[in-house]
PDB file of N, CA and C in Angstrom:
ATOM      1  N   MET A   1      92.671-114.422  64.144  1.00  0.00           N
ATOM      2  CA  MET A   1      92.031-113.120  64.203  1.00  0.00           C
ATOM      3  C   MET A   1      92.129-112.556  65.603  1.00  0.00           C
ATOM      4  N   THR A   2      92.114-111.271  65.686  1.00  0.00           N
ATOM      5  CA  THR A   2      92.232-110.605  66.980  1.00  0.00           C
ATOM      6  C   THR A   2      90.907-109.963  67.366  1.00  0.00           C
ATOM      7  N   ASP A   3      90.841-109.491  68.604  1.00  0.00           N
ATOM      8  CA  ASP A   3      89.630-108.820  69.072  1.00  0.00           C
ATOM      9  C   ASP A   3      89.342-107.545  68.287  1.00  0.00           C
ATOM     10  N   LYS A   4      90.365-106.948  67.689  1.00  0.00           N
ATOM     11  CA  LYS A   4      90.124-105.721  66.938  1.00  0.00           C
ATOM     12  C   LYS A   4      89.353-105.973  65.647  1.00  0.00           C
ATOM     13  N   ASP A   5      89.268-107.225  65.204  1.00  0.00           N
ATOM     14  CA  ASP A   5      88.497-107.558  64.013  1.00  0.00           C
ATOM     15  C   ASP A   5      86.994-107.475  64.262  1.00  0.00           C
ATOM     16  N   TRP A   6      86.579-107.531  65.512  1.00  0.00           N
ATOM     17  CA  TRP A   6      85.169-107.493  65.871  1.00  0.00           C
ATOM     18  C   TRP A   6      84.657-106.065  65.824  1.00  0.00           C
ATOM     19  N   GLN A   7      83.413-105.902  65.363  1.00  0.00           N
ATOM     20  CA  GLN A   7      82.766-104.594  65.338  1.00  0.00           C
ATOM     21  C   GLN A   7      81.493-104.668  66.151  1.00  0.00           C
ATOM     22  N   LYS A   8      81.169-103.564  66.810  1.00  0.00           N
ATOM     23  CA  LYS A   8      79.904-103.497  67.531  1.00  0.00           C
ATOM     24  C   LYS A   8      79.117-102.299  67.042  1.00  0.00           C
ATOM     25  N   SER A   9      77.859-102.311  67.281  1.00  0.00           N
ATOM     26  CA  SER A   9      76.983-101.243  66.839  1.00  0.00           C
ATOM     27  C   SER A   9      77.362 -99.923  67.490  1.00  0.00           C
ATOM     28  N   SER A  10      77.223 -98.853  66.736  1.00  0.00           N
ATOM     29  CA  SER A  10      77.465 -97.520  67.301  1.00  0.00           C
ATOM     30  C   SER A  10      76.427 -97.192  68.370  1.00  0.00           C
ATOM     31  N   PHE A  11      75.296 -97.898  68.381  1.00  0.00           N
ATOM     32  CA  PHE A  11      74.273 -97.705  69.408  1.00  0.00           C
ATOM     33  C   PHE A  11      74.745 -98.223  70.767  1.00  0.00           C
ATOM     34  N   SER A  12      75.770 -99.080  70.765  1.00  0.00           N
ATOM     35  CA  SER A  12      76.282 -99.640  72.016  1.00  0.00           C
ATOM     36  C   SER A  12      77.123 -98.645  72.794  1.00  0.00           C
ATOM     37  N   SER A  13      77.542 -97.590  72.135  1.00  0.00           N
ATOM     38  CA  SER A  13      78.358 -96.550  72.778  1.00  0.00           C
ATOM     39  C   SER A  13      79.602 -97.183  73.384  1.00  0.00           C
ATOM     40  N   SER A  14      79.862 -96.879  74.633  1.00  0.00           N
ATOM     41  CA  SER A  14      81.051 -97.436  75.292  1.00  0.00           C
ATOM     42  C   SER A  14      80.720 -98.672  76.129  1.00  0.00           C
ATOM     43  N   SER A  15      79.501 -99.137  76.036  1.00  0.00           N
ATOM     44  CA  SER A  15      79.065-100.300  76.811  1.00  0.00           C
ATOM     45  C   SER A  15      79.765-101.568  76.343  1.00  0.00           C
ATOM     46  N   ASP A  16      80.029-102.462  77.265  1.00  0.00           N
ATOM     47  CA  ASP A  16      80.603-103.759  76.912  1.00  0.00           C
ATOM     48  C   ASP A  16      79.525-104.822  76.766  1.00  0.00           C
ATOM     49  N   ASN A  17      78.267-104.440  76.879  1.00  0.00           N
ATOM     50  CA  ASN A  17      77.142-105.360  76.739  1.00  0.00           C
ATOM     51  C   ASN A  17      76.533-105.194  75.352  1.00  0.00           C
ATOM     52  N   CYS A  18      77.045-105.934  74.385  1.00  0.00           N
ATOM     53  CA  CYS A  18      76.537-105.768  73.029  1.00  0.00           C
ATOM     54  C   CYS A  18      76.838-107.011  72.202  1.00  0.00           C
ATOM     55  N   VAL A  19      76.233-107.056  71.040  1.00  0.00           N
ATOM     56  CA  VAL A  19      76.533-108.095  70.072  1.00  0.00           C
ATOM     57  C   VAL A  19      77.621-107.558  69.148  1.00  0.00           C
ATOM     58  N   GLU A  20      78.613-108.392  68.873  1.00  0.00           N
ATOM     59  CA  GLU A  20      79.706-108.006  67.996  1.00  0.00           C
ATOM     60  C   GLU A  20      79.682-108.884  66.759  1.00  0.00           C
ATOM     61  N   VAL A  21      80.184-108.360  65.654  1.00  0.00           N
ATOM     62  CA  VAL A  21      80.140-109.068  64.379  1.00  0.00           C
ATOM     63  C   VAL A  21      81.476-108.901  63.655  1.00  0.00           C
ATOM     64  N   ARG A  22      81.819-109.909  62.854  1.00  0.00           N
ATOM     65  CA  ARG A  22      82.993-109.839  61.976  1.00  0.00           C
ATOM     66  C   ARG A  22      82.764-110.801  60.817  1.00  0.00           C
ATOM     67  N   THR A  23      83.541-110.638  59.758  1.00  0.00           N
ATOM     68  CA  THR A  23      83.535-111.609  58.676  1.00  0.00           C
ATOM     69  C   THR A  23      84.821-112.413  58.760  1.00  0.00           C
ATOM     70  N   ALA A  24      84.693-113.701  58.505  1.00  0.00           N
ATOM     71  CA  ALA A  24      85.852-114.594  58.580  1.00  0.00           C
ATOM     72  C   ALA A  24      85.612-115.793  57.683  1.00  0.00           C
ATOM     73  N   GLY A  25      86.513-116.022  56.766  1.00  0.00           N
ATOM     74  CA  GLY A  25      86.416-117.204  55.915  1.00  0.00           C
ATOM     75  C   GLY A  25      85.138-117.289  55.104  1.00  0.00           C
ATOM     76  N   GLY A  26      84.606-116.149  54.673  1.00  0.00           N
ATOM     77  CA  GLY A  26      83.380-116.148  53.881  1.00  0.00           C
ATOM     78  C   GLY A  26      82.108-116.261  54.691  1.00  0.00           C
ATOM     79  N   LEU A  27      82.221-116.306  56.008  1.00  0.00           N
ATOM     80  CA  LEU A  27      81.063-116.378  56.898  1.00  0.00           C
ATOM     81  C   LEU A  27      80.976-115.118  57.745  1.00  0.00           C
ATOM     82  N   VAL A  28      79.857-114.951  58.406  1.00  0.00           N
ATOM     83  CA  VAL A  28      79.682-113.889  59.390  1.00  0.00           C
ATOM     84  C   VAL A  28      79.720-114.537  60.767  1.00  0.00           C
ATOM     85  N   ASP A  29      80.526-113.986  61.654  1.00  0.00           N
ATOM     86  CA  ASP A  29      80.608-114.466  63.033  1.00  0.00           C
ATOM     87  C   ASP A  29      79.913-113.472  63.945  1.00  0.00           C
ATOM     88  N   LEU A  30      79.151-113.984  64.896  1.00  0.00           N
ATOM     89  CA  LEU A  30      78.461-113.162  65.891  1.00  0.00           C
ATOM     90  C   LEU A  30      78.835-113.655  67.277  1.00  0.00           C
ATOM     91  N   ARG A  31      78.972-112.722  68.205  1.00  0.00           N
ATOM     92  CA  ARG A  31      79.201-113.093  69.600  1.00  0.00           C
ATOM     93  C   ARG A  31      78.660-111.978  70.487  1.00  0.00           C
ATOM     94  N   GLU A  32      78.372-112.320  71.704  1.00  0.00           N
ATOM     95  CA  GLU A  32      78.002-111.327  72.701  1.00  0.00           C
ATOM     96  C   GLU A  32      79.288-110.924  73.414  1.00  0.00           C
ATOM     97  N   SER A  33      79.470-109.655  73.632  1.00  0.00           N
ATOM     98  CA  SER A  33      80.750-109.161  74.140  1.00  0.00           C
ATOM     99  C   SER A  33      81.142-109.779  75.471  1.00  0.00           C
ATOM    100  N   ASP A  34      80.177-110.085  76.325  1.00  0.00           N
ATOM    101  CA  ASP A  34      80.525-110.660  77.633  1.00  0.00           C
ATOM    102  C   ASP A  34      80.645-112.185  77.597  1.00  0.00           C
ATOM    103  N   GLU A  35      80.427-112.799  76.438  1.00  0.00           N
ATOM    104  CA  GLU A  35      80.588-114.250  76.240  1.00  0.00           C
ATOM    105  C   GLU A  35      81.442-114.466  74.999  1.00  0.00           C
ATOM    106  N   GLY A  36      82.615-113.851  74.949  1.00  0.00           N
ATOM    107  CA  GLY A  36      83.437-113.811  73.757  1.00  0.00           C
ATOM    108  C   GLY A  36      83.888-115.143  73.198  1.00  0.00           C
ATOM    109  N   GLU A  37      83.910-116.182  74.020  1.00  0.00           N
ATOM    110  CA  GLU A  37      84.365-117.477  73.527  1.00  0.00           C
ATOM    111  C   GLU A  37      83.267-118.247  72.790  1.00  0.00           C
ATOM    112  N   LEU A  38      82.019-117.819  72.933  1.00  0.00           N
ATOM    113  CA  LEU A  38      80.886-118.458  72.261  1.00  0.00           C
ATOM    114  C   LEU A  38      80.585-117.683  70.982  1.00  0.00           C
ATOM    115  N   ILE A  39      80.844-118.310  69.828  1.00  0.00           N
ATOM    116  CA  ILE A  39      80.715-117.625  68.541  1.00  0.00           C
ATOM    117  C   ILE A  39      79.737-118.385  67.650  1.00  0.00           C
ATOM    118  N   LEU A  40      78.800-117.650  67.061  1.00  0.00           N
ATOM    119  CA  LEU A  40      77.842-118.197  66.109  1.00  0.00           C
ATOM    120  C   LEU A  40      78.350-117.873  64.702  1.00  0.00           C
ATOM    121  N   HIS A  41      78.465-118.874  63.853  1.00  0.00           N
ATOM    122  CA  HIS A  41      78.911-118.700  62.471  1.00  0.00           C
ATOM    123  C   HIS A  41      77.701-118.870  61.559  1.00  0.00           C
ATOM    124  N   THR A  42      77.539-117.967  60.592  1.00  0.00           N
ATOM    125  CA  THR A  42      76.411-118.069  59.677  1.00  0.00           C
ATOM    126  C   THR A  42      76.808-117.548  58.292  1.00  0.00           C
ATOM    127  N   ALA A  43      76.049-117.922  57.302  1.00  0.00           N
ATOM    128  CA  ALA A  43      76.278-117.452  55.938  1.00  0.00           C
ATOM    129  C   ALA A  43      75.888-115.987  55.815  1.00  0.00           C
ATOM    130  N   THR A  44      76.533-115.290  54.906  1.00  0.00           N
ATOM    131  CA  THR A  44      76.253-113.858  54.747  1.00  0.00           C
ATOM    132  C   THR A  44      74.793-113.612  54.356  1.00  0.00           C
ATOM    133  N   ALA A  45      74.225-114.451  53.514  1.00  0.00           N
ATOM    134  CA  ALA A  45      72.827-114.278  53.110  1.00  0.00           C
ATOM    135  C   ALA A  45      71.884-114.467  54.292  1.00  0.00           C
ATOM    136  N   THR A  46      72.184-115.414  55.147  1.00  0.00           N
ATOM    137  CA  THR A  46      71.365-115.653  56.336  1.00  0.00           C
ATOM    138  C   THR A  46      71.448-114.463  57.283  1.00  0.00           C
ATOM    139  N   PHE A  47      72.638-113.913  57.451  1.00  0.00           N
ATOM    140  CA  PHE A  47      72.810-112.732  58.302  1.00  0.00           C
ATOM    141  C   PHE A  47      72.051-111.541  57.718  1.00  0.00           C
ATOM    142  N   ALA A  48      72.104-111.374  56.406  1.00  0.00           N
ATOM    143  CA  ALA A  48      71.361-110.289  55.757  1.00  0.00           C
ATOM    144  C   ALA A  48      69.862-110.449  55.984  1.00  0.00           C
ATOM    145  N   ASP A  49      69.370-111.684  55.901  1.00  0.00           N
ATOM    146  CA  ASP A  49      67.944-111.952  56.168  1.00  0.00           C
ATOM    147  C   ASP A  49      67.584-111.603  57.608  1.00  0.00           C
ATOM    148  N   LEU A  50      68.478-111.928  58.550  1.00  0.00           N
ATOM    149  CA  LEU A  50      68.245-111.593  59.957  1.00  0.00           C
ATOM    150  C   LEU A  50      68.160-110.079  60.143  1.00  0.00           C
ATOM    151  N   LEU A  51      69.087-109.352  59.551  1.00  0.00           N
ATOM    152  CA  LEU A  51      69.059-107.889  59.667  1.00  0.00           C
ATOM    153  C   LEU A  51      67.790-107.311  59.062  1.00  0.00           C
ATOM    154  N   ASP A  52      67.363-107.827  57.918  1.00  0.00           N
ATOM    155  CA  ASP A  52      66.120-107.362  57.295  1.00  0.00           C
ATOM    156  C   ASP A  52      64.925-107.612  58.211  1.00  0.00           C
ATOM    157  N   ALA A  53      64.877-108.782  58.841  1.00  0.00           N
ATOM    158  CA  ALA A  53      63.769-109.116  59.749  1.00  0.00           C
ATOM    159  C   ALA A  53      63.772-108.191  60.969  1.00  0.00           C
ATOM    160  N   ILE A  54      64.942-107.906  61.499  1.00  0.00           N
ATOM    161  CA  ILE A  54      65.043-106.997  62.649  1.00  0.00           C
ATOM    162  C   ILE A  54      64.562-105.609  62.264  1.00  0.00           C
ATOM    163  N   LYS A  55      65.034-105.105  61.133  1.00  0.00           N
ATOM    164  CA  LYS A  55      64.650-103.765  60.676  1.00  0.00           C
ATOM    165  C   LYS A  55      63.161-103.663  60.395  1.00  0.00           C
ATOM    166  N   ALA A  56      62.554-104.755  59.949  1.00  0.00           N
ATOM    167  CA  ALA A  56      61.118-104.765  59.642  1.00  0.00           C
ATOM    168  C   ALA A  56      60.259-104.969  60.892  1.00  0.00           C
ATOM    169  N   GLY A  57      60.904-105.205  62.045  1.00  0.00           N
ATOM    170  CA  GLY A  57      60.154-105.397  63.275  1.00  0.00           C
ATOM    171  C   GLY A  57      59.569-106.789  63.442  1.00  0.00           C
ATOM    172  N   GLU A  58      59.998-107.725  62.608  1.00  0.00           N
ATOM    173  CA  GLU A  58      59.429-109.067  62.637  1.00  0.00           C
ATOM    174  C   GLU A  58      59.793-109.850  63.897  1.00  0.00           C
ATOM    175  N   LEU A  59      60.796-109.405  64.638  1.00  0.00           N
ATOM    176  CA  LEU A  59      61.226-110.129  65.832  1.00  0.00           C
ATOM    177  C   LEU A  59      60.939-109.361  67.122  1.00  0.00           C
ATOM    178  N   ASP A  60      60.190-108.275  67.016  1.00  0.00           N
ATOM    179  CA  ASP A  60      59.912-107.432  68.187  1.00  0.00           C
ATOM    180  C   ASP A  60      59.194-108.178  69.302  1.00  0.00           C
ATOM    181  N   GLN A  61      58.382-109.165  68.969  1.00  0.00           N
ATOM    182  CA  GLN A  61      57.646-109.899  69.993  1.00  0.00           C
ATOM    183  C   GLN A  61      58.581-110.719  70.887  1.00  0.00           C
ATOM    184  N   HIS A  62      59.836-110.912  70.473  1.00  0.00           N
ATOM    185  CA  HIS A  62      60.800-111.686  71.246  1.00  0.00           C
ATOM    186  C   HIS A  62      61.624-110.826  72.194  1.00  0.00           C
ATOM    187  N   ALA A  63      61.427-109.528  72.150  1.00  0.00           N
ATOM    188  CA  ALA A  63      62.216-108.606  72.987  1.00  0.00           C
ATOM    189  C   ALA A  63      61.804-108.664  74.431  1.00  0.00           C
TER     190      ALA A  63
END
């Protein structure tokens, strides 16, 4: 896979400081743009649960 497979949030604008995501081999991969070699692999359902928790504000205390 190439770097063009990675997507970042439109909220990141032109910044290189963001979390990037892609799908690969049935999993979701996450990385921070400035630490591109460190990749977290997770199941799609787990990633969906994470997004739901973020949207619901359940992780705001960690900000």
